[in-house]
Amino acid sequence: MDFTLLSSPLQGFTDFRFRNAINTYFGGIDTYYSPYIRLNGKMVIKSSYERDLLPENNLGLEVIPQVITNDADEFLFVAKYVRKLGYKELNWNLGCPYPMVTKSGMGSGLISNTEKINTILERAHAESDILISMKMRLGYETAQEILDVFPILDKYPLKNIAIHARLGKQLYKGGVHLDAFQECINSTKHKLYYNGDITSVTKFKEMQERFPSIDHWMIGRGLIGDPFLPSMIKQNTTDYPTNKMALFSDFHETLYQGYSESLSGPSHILLKMHHLWDYFSVIFSNPHKVLKKINKTKNIRNYELAVKEIIAAE
């Protein structure tokens, strides 16, 4: 069965620099979703959002912009903006689990508000020609929430609904709810994409067997942790390439240089790279030791030396 691999957006991680580096050194991802645009009531697109979506920063990539909002005017403002840039689709985030988002009634905190979802979709389809897709959790408190909203979603010509098979209140803790995802398959006419805990080729195959009707698979944290994973899934192999560390080294250097040029000051650069190594460390034979070594670095020079030593030791 043919399938499509998609990069799930992670705020602060999967920007255009990351997307380009993944595509250059590893491949395997068919479509990238950009981290969400959030307006906070101001009809202004931040320069960081603009840079992330500029076509010249995403050459050769299929990118789908994303918005997070609980306001129809905001949705339409972003839809108009991305259409001007040449994008035909806008993904609506009803999945973000972070309390600062959900307490504002956005992300997964919006799933239970069927009336507001209906109002936004009604206006978006009436007042814009943008193609709309959804990124959701099963609910915030319970998986019944998404089942209650499907009759609303089924009224509209959505392109697809990508579901992270967790509840919002879980954040990223605990397991995915596979029975609840199957219930979603049984309960909507829309095309569903699966997202959640695809962290290895073996895990991907397990999910494929469990959900034979699904042919679009989203990889989020699993991609940051193991950028080799999508191409290994496509090649149906559990063997890493023989030049694994050389590829990773080039990938890291490209990211590092990109962030060094764009972030202000060494402390910001270090913080960014430390966060990335929370994920990168898993592809090394001793992740705990690697992460400890990275986190000990307090200046740029020590960081660069630590990375060289870690790669050389592998």
Protein backbone atom coordinates (compact mmCIF):
# COMPACT_ATOMS: atom_id res chain seq x y z
CA MET A 1 0.00 0.00 0.00
CA ASP A 2 1.30 3.43 -0.97
CA PHE A 3 1.53 5.89 1.90
CA THR A 4 2.47 9.50 2.57
CA LEU A 5 4.69 10.74 5.39
CA LEU A 6 4.07 14.16 6.88
CA SER A 7 6.08 16.26 9.31
CA SER A 8 3.85 17.27 12.20
CA PRO A 9 4.51 20.86 13.32
CA LEU A 10 6.23 21.45 16.65
CA GLN A 11 6.38 25.04 17.83
CA GLY A 12 9.97 26.19 18.24
CA PHE A 13 11.44 23.25 16.32
CA THR A 14 10.13 22.60 12.80
CA ASP A 15 10.77 25.99 11.19
CA PHE A 16 12.00 26.49 7.63
CA ARG A 17 15.65 25.96 8.59
CA PHE A 18 14.81 22.60 10.13
CA ARG A 19 12.61 21.59 7.18
CA ASN A 20 15.27 22.45 4.62
CA ALA A 21 18.00 20.63 6.55
CA ILE A 22 15.86 17.50 6.93
CA ASN A 23 15.02 17.55 3.24
CA THR A 24 18.65 18.09 2.18
CA TYR A 25 20.32 15.40 4.30
CA PHE A 26 17.65 12.76 4.92
CA GLY A 27 14.48 13.12 2.84
CA GLY A 28 11.52 10.80 3.31
CA ILE A 29 9.01 13.50 4.27
CA ASP A 30 6.44 14.26 1.57
CA THR A 31 4.69 17.23 3.20
CA TYR A 32 5.72 19.62 5.96
CA TYR A 33 3.29 21.49 8.21
CA SER A 34 4.57 24.83 9.45
CA PRO A 35 4.33 25.74 13.15
CA TYR A 36 1.12 27.65 13.82
CA ILE A 37 0.45 31.35 13.33
CA ARG A 38 -1.11 32.90 16.44
CA LEU A 39 -2.42 36.46 16.25
CA ASN A 40 -3.55 37.08 19.86
CA GLY A 41 -6.23 39.51 18.73
CA LYS A 42 -3.86 41.69 16.70
CA MET A 43 -4.31 41.51 12.94
CA VAL A 44 -0.57 41.54 12.32
CA ILE A 45 1.66 38.77 10.99
CA LYS A 46 4.90 38.60 13.00
CA SER A 47 8.11 38.77 10.99
CA SER A 48 9.11 35.31 12.27
CA TYR A 49 5.92 33.81 10.81
CA GLU A 50 6.51 35.67 7.58
CA ARG A 51 10.09 34.38 7.23
CA ASP A 52 8.92 30.86 7.93
CA LEU A 53 6.36 30.86 5.12
CA LEU A 54 8.10 32.90 2.42
CA PRO A 55 8.19 30.73 -0.71
CA GLU A 56 11.89 31.50 -1.26
CA ASN A 57 12.65 29.96 2.16
CA ASN A 58 10.82 26.74 1.25
CA LEU A 59 12.03 25.96 -2.26
CA GLY A 60 11.42 22.37 -3.30
CA LEU A 61 9.26 21.67 -0.23
CA GLU A 62 5.54 21.05 0.00
CA VAL A 63 4.52 23.17 3.00
CA ILE A 64 1.09 23.67 4.55
CA PRO A 65 0.65 26.72 6.80
CA GLN A 66 -1.18 26.33 10.12
CA VAL A 67 -3.23 28.71 12.25
CA ILE A 68 -4.29 28.47 15.89
CA THR A 69 -7.31 30.60 16.81
CA ASN A 70 -10.83 30.58 18.24
CA ASP A 71 -11.90 33.63 16.25
CA ALA A 72 -13.38 33.67 12.75
CA ASP A 73 -11.94 37.10 11.87
CA GLU A 74 -8.45 35.91 12.81
CA PHE A 75 -8.90 32.75 10.76
CA LEU A 76 -9.98 34.74 7.71
CA PHE A 77 -7.12 37.23 8.14
CA VAL A 78 -4.55 34.41 8.14
CA ALA A 79 -6.32 32.64 5.25
CA LYS A 80 -6.10 35.80 3.16
CA TYR A 81 -2.44 36.26 4.07
CA VAL A 82 -1.32 32.73 3.13
CA ARG A 83 -3.36 32.85 -0.10
CA LYS A 84 -1.35 35.96 -1.08
CA LEU A 85 1.83 33.94 -0.58
CA GLY A 86 0.50 31.30 -2.96
CA TYR A 87 -0.70 28.67 -0.46
CA LYS A 88 -3.97 26.94 -1.27
CA GLU A 89 -4.51 25.14 2.06
CA LEU A 90 -4.66 26.27 5.69
CA ASN A 91 -4.50 23.80 8.55
CA TRP A 92 -6.45 24.67 11.71
CA ASN A 93 -4.79 23.57 14.95
CA LEU A 94 -7.18 22.03 17.46
CA GLY A 95 -4.44 19.85 18.88
CA CYS A 96 -1.99 21.96 20.88
CA PRO A 97 -2.08 20.67 24.48
CA TYR A 98 -0.11 23.37 26.30
CA PRO A 99 -2.02 25.03 29.19
CA MET A 100 -1.21 28.59 28.04
CA VAL A 101 -3.06 27.75 24.80
CA THR A 102 -5.87 25.53 26.07
CA LYS A 103 -6.81 27.89 28.92
CA SER A 104 -7.41 30.53 26.25
CA GLY A 105 -9.91 28.18 24.56
CA MET A 106 -7.63 27.32 21.66
CA GLY A 107 -5.87 24.17 20.45
CA SER A 108 -7.24 21.05 22.12
CA GLY A 109 -9.06 23.34 24.56
CA LEU A 110 -11.47 24.24 21.73
CA ILE A 111 -12.57 20.74 20.73
CA SER A 112 -15.49 20.64 23.17
CA ASN A 113 -16.87 23.98 21.87
CA THR A 114 -18.83 22.64 18.90
CA GLU A 115 -20.77 25.89 18.45
CA LYS A 116 -17.63 28.00 18.02
CA ILE A 117 -16.04 25.43 15.69
CA ASN A 118 -19.17 25.48 13.54
CA THR A 119 -19.25 29.30 13.41
CA ILE A 120 -15.61 29.55 12.32
CA LEU A 121 -15.90 26.84 9.68
CA GLU A 122 -19.14 28.32 8.36
CA ARG A 123 -17.60 31.76 7.89
CA ALA A 124 -14.31 30.40 6.60
CA HIS A 125 -16.04 28.43 3.86
CA ALA A 126 -18.45 31.26 3.02
CA GLU A 127 -15.89 34.08 2.94
CA SER A 128 -12.71 32.40 1.68
CA ASP A 129 -11.69 29.98 -1.07
CA ILE A 130 -8.91 28.46 1.09
CA LEU A 131 -8.88 24.66 1.40
CA ILE A 132 -9.19 23.80 5.10
CA SER A 133 -7.70 20.83 6.94
CA MET A 134 -7.67 20.09 10.66
CA LYS A 135 -5.06 18.95 13.20
CA MET A 136 -6.71 17.64 16.35
CA ARG A 137 -6.36 15.65 19.53
CA LEU A 138 -9.06 13.18 20.58
CA GLY A 139 -10.32 15.81 23.00
CA TYR A 140 -9.00 17.67 26.00
CA GLU A 141 -10.63 15.72 28.84
CA THR A 142 -12.13 12.70 27.07
CA ALA A 143 -12.15 11.07 23.64
CA GLN A 144 -15.91 11.64 23.46
CA GLU A 145 -15.19 15.28 22.60
CA ILE A 146 -13.98 14.54 19.07
CA LEU A 147 -16.91 12.18 18.46
CA ASP A 148 -19.31 14.98 19.45
CA VAL A 149 -17.69 17.40 16.98
CA PHE A 150 -17.63 15.03 13.97
CA PRO A 151 -21.27 15.81 12.98
CA ILE A 152 -20.23 19.48 12.71
CA LEU A 153 -17.04 18.71 10.76
CA ASP A 154 -18.94 16.38 8.41
CA LYS A 155 -20.98 19.35 7.16
CA TYR A 156 -17.91 20.93 5.55
CA PRO A 157 -15.62 19.93 2.66
CA LEU A 158 -12.49 19.57 4.77
CA LYS A 159 -9.43 18.17 3.02
CA ASN A 160 -8.57 15.89 5.95
CA ILE A 161 -8.43 15.61 9.72
CA ALA A 162 -5.07 14.66 11.25
CA ILE A 163 -5.56 13.19 14.71
CA HIS A 164 -2.90 12.90 17.40
CA ALA A 165 -4.27 9.94 19.33
CA ARG A 166 -3.86 11.49 22.78
CA LEU A 167 -5.95 13.76 24.98
CA GLY A 168 -4.89 17.36 25.46
CA LYS A 169 -4.55 16.95 29.22
CA GLN A 170 -1.95 14.22 28.65
CA LEU A 171 0.42 16.67 26.97
CA TYR A 172 2.94 14.11 25.61
CA LYS A 173 2.72 11.74 28.59
CA GLY A 174 1.22 8.28 28.65
CA GLY A 175 0.36 6.14 25.67
CA VAL A 176 -1.70 6.81 22.56
CA HIS A 177 -5.35 5.67 22.55
CA LEU A 178 -5.58 3.36 19.57
CA ASP A 179 -9.11 2.09 20.26
CA ALA A 180 -10.31 5.70 20.40
CA PHE A 181 -8.62 6.43 17.06
CA GLN A 182 -10.38 3.42 15.53
CA GLU A 183 -13.65 4.84 16.83
CA CYS A 184 -12.82 8.05 14.95
CA ILE A 185 -12.32 6.08 11.73
CA ASN A 186 -15.76 4.55 12.28
CA SER A 187 -17.44 7.88 13.06
CA THR A 188 -16.61 10.34 10.28
CA LYS A 189 -16.83 10.54 6.50
CA HIS A 190 -13.62 12.58 6.35
CA LYS A 191 -10.19 11.29 5.41
CA LEU A 192 -8.13 10.79 8.57
CA TYR A 193 -4.36 11.03 9.07
CA TYR A 194 -2.71 9.30 12.02
CA ASN A 195 -0.28 11.05 14.38
CA GLY A 196 1.32 9.86 17.62
CA ASP A 197 4.34 7.84 18.78
CA ILE A 198 5.75 6.85 15.39
CA THR A 199 9.31 6.58 16.69
CA SER A 200 10.71 3.58 14.81
CA VAL A 201 10.23 1.53 11.66
CA THR A 202 8.84 -1.29 13.80
CA LYS A 203 6.31 1.02 15.45
CA PHE A 204 5.26 2.36 12.05
CA LYS A 205 4.61 -1.17 10.76
CA GLU A 206 2.57 -1.97 13.87
CA MET A 207 0.41 1.10 13.23
CA GLN A 208 0.01 0.18 9.55
CA GLU A 209 -1.23 -3.27 10.51
CA ARG A 210 -3.57 -1.84 13.13
CA PHE A 211 -5.09 0.76 10.79
CA PRO A 212 -4.97 -0.63 7.22
CA SER A 213 -7.27 2.12 5.87
CA ILE A 214 -4.86 4.91 6.86
CA ASP A 215 -2.37 5.99 4.19
CA HIS A 216 -1.17 9.33 5.62
CA TRP A 217 1.11 9.22 8.65
CA MET A 218 2.36 12.21 10.65
CA ILE A 219 5.69 12.11 12.47
CA GLY A 220 6.33 14.77 15.09
CA ARG A 221 8.81 14.29 17.93
CA GLY A 222 9.98 11.06 16.25
CA LEU A 223 11.37 13.07 13.34
CA ILE A 224 13.34 15.49 15.54
CA GLY A 225 14.66 12.60 17.62
CA ASP A 226 15.62 10.50 14.63
CA PRO A 227 15.81 12.41 11.33
CA PHE A 228 16.78 9.15 9.57
CA LEU A 229 13.38 7.63 10.39
CA PRO A 230 11.25 8.77 7.41
CA SER A 231 13.72 7.55 4.78
CA MET A 232 14.17 4.27 6.66
CA ILE A 233 10.39 3.80 6.71
CA LYS A 234 10.25 4.51 2.97
CA GLN A 235 13.09 2.05 2.30
CA ASN A 236 11.55 -0.53 4.65
CA THR A 237 14.80 -1.01 6.56
CA THR A 238 15.88 -0.86 10.19
CA ASP A 239 19.52 -0.38 9.18
CA TYR A 240 21.03 3.08 9.41
CA PRO A 241 23.22 4.25 6.52
CA THR A 242 26.93 3.47 6.87
CA ASN A 243 27.70 7.21 6.89
CA LYS A 244 25.17 7.86 9.68
CA MET A 245 27.38 10.10 11.81
CA ALA A 246 28.79 12.03 8.84
CA LEU A 247 25.25 12.81 7.69
CA PHE A 248 24.16 13.80 11.18
CA SER A 249 27.25 15.98 11.57
CA ASP A 250 26.50 17.87 8.33
CA PHE A 251 22.84 18.21 9.31
CA HIS A 252 23.76 19.54 12.75
CA GLU A 253 26.29 21.98 11.30
CA THR A 254 23.74 23.38 8.84
CA LEU A 255 21.18 23.91 11.61
CA TYR A 256 23.77 25.33 13.98
CA GLN A 257 25.06 27.83 11.43
CA GLY A 258 21.52 28.83 10.47
CA TYR A 259 20.51 29.52 14.06
CA SER A 260 23.84 31.24 14.79
CA GLU A 261 23.06 33.73 12.04
CA SER A 262 19.42 34.30 12.99
CA LEU A 263 19.36 34.25 16.81
CA SER A 264 20.62 37.14 18.91
CA GLY A 265 23.53 36.26 21.15
CA PRO A 266 25.25 33.06 22.28
CA SER A 267 22.83 32.35 25.13
CA HIS A 268 19.89 32.12 22.71
CA ILE A 269 21.86 29.88 20.35
CA LEU A 270 22.92 27.57 23.18
CA LEU A 271 19.37 27.34 24.51
CA LYS A 272 18.07 26.46 21.04
CA MET A 273 20.69 23.74 20.51
CA HIS A 274 20.24 22.31 24.02
CA HIS A 275 16.50 21.91 23.33
CA LEU A 276 17.26 20.13 20.04
CA TRP A 277 19.65 17.74 21.76
CA ASP A 278 16.85 16.66 24.10
CA TYR A 279 15.66 14.88 20.96
CA PHE A 280 18.89 14.28 19.01
CA SER A 281 20.44 12.31 21.87
CA VAL A 282 18.17 9.29 21.29
CA ILE A 283 20.05 8.18 18.14
CA PHE A 284 23.29 7.77 20.09
CA SER A 285 24.31 4.58 21.87
CA ASN A 286 24.26 6.29 25.29
CA PRO A 287 21.61 9.05 25.14
CA HIS A 288 21.84 9.94 28.84
CA LYS A 289 25.60 10.45 28.69
CA VAL A 290 25.33 12.49 25.48
CA LEU A 291 22.63 14.76 26.87
CA LYS A 292 24.52 15.27 30.11
CA LYS A 293 27.62 16.33 28.16
CA ILE A 294 25.64 18.79 26.03
CA ASN A 295 23.80 20.28 28.99
CA LYS A 296 27.08 20.90 30.80
CA THR A 297 28.22 23.29 28.08
CA LYS A 298 27.78 26.92 29.12
CA ASN A 299 29.46 28.68 26.20
CA ILE A 300 29.67 28.31 22.43
CA ARG A 301 33.24 27.02 22.32
CA ASN A 302 32.56 24.26 24.85
CA TYR A 303 29.39 23.35 23.00
CA GLU A 304 31.22 22.98 19.68
CA LEU A 305 33.92 20.84 21.31
CA ALA A 306 31.32 18.64 23.02
CA VAL A 307 29.49 18.00 19.74
CA LYS A 308 32.74 17.03 17.98
CA GLU A 309 33.66 14.65 20.80
CA ILE A 310 30.20 13.06 20.88
CA ILE A 311 30.16 12.44 17.12
CA ALA A 312 33.76 11.19 17.08
CA ALA A 313 33.09 8.77 19.96
CA GLU A 314 30.13 7.24 18.12
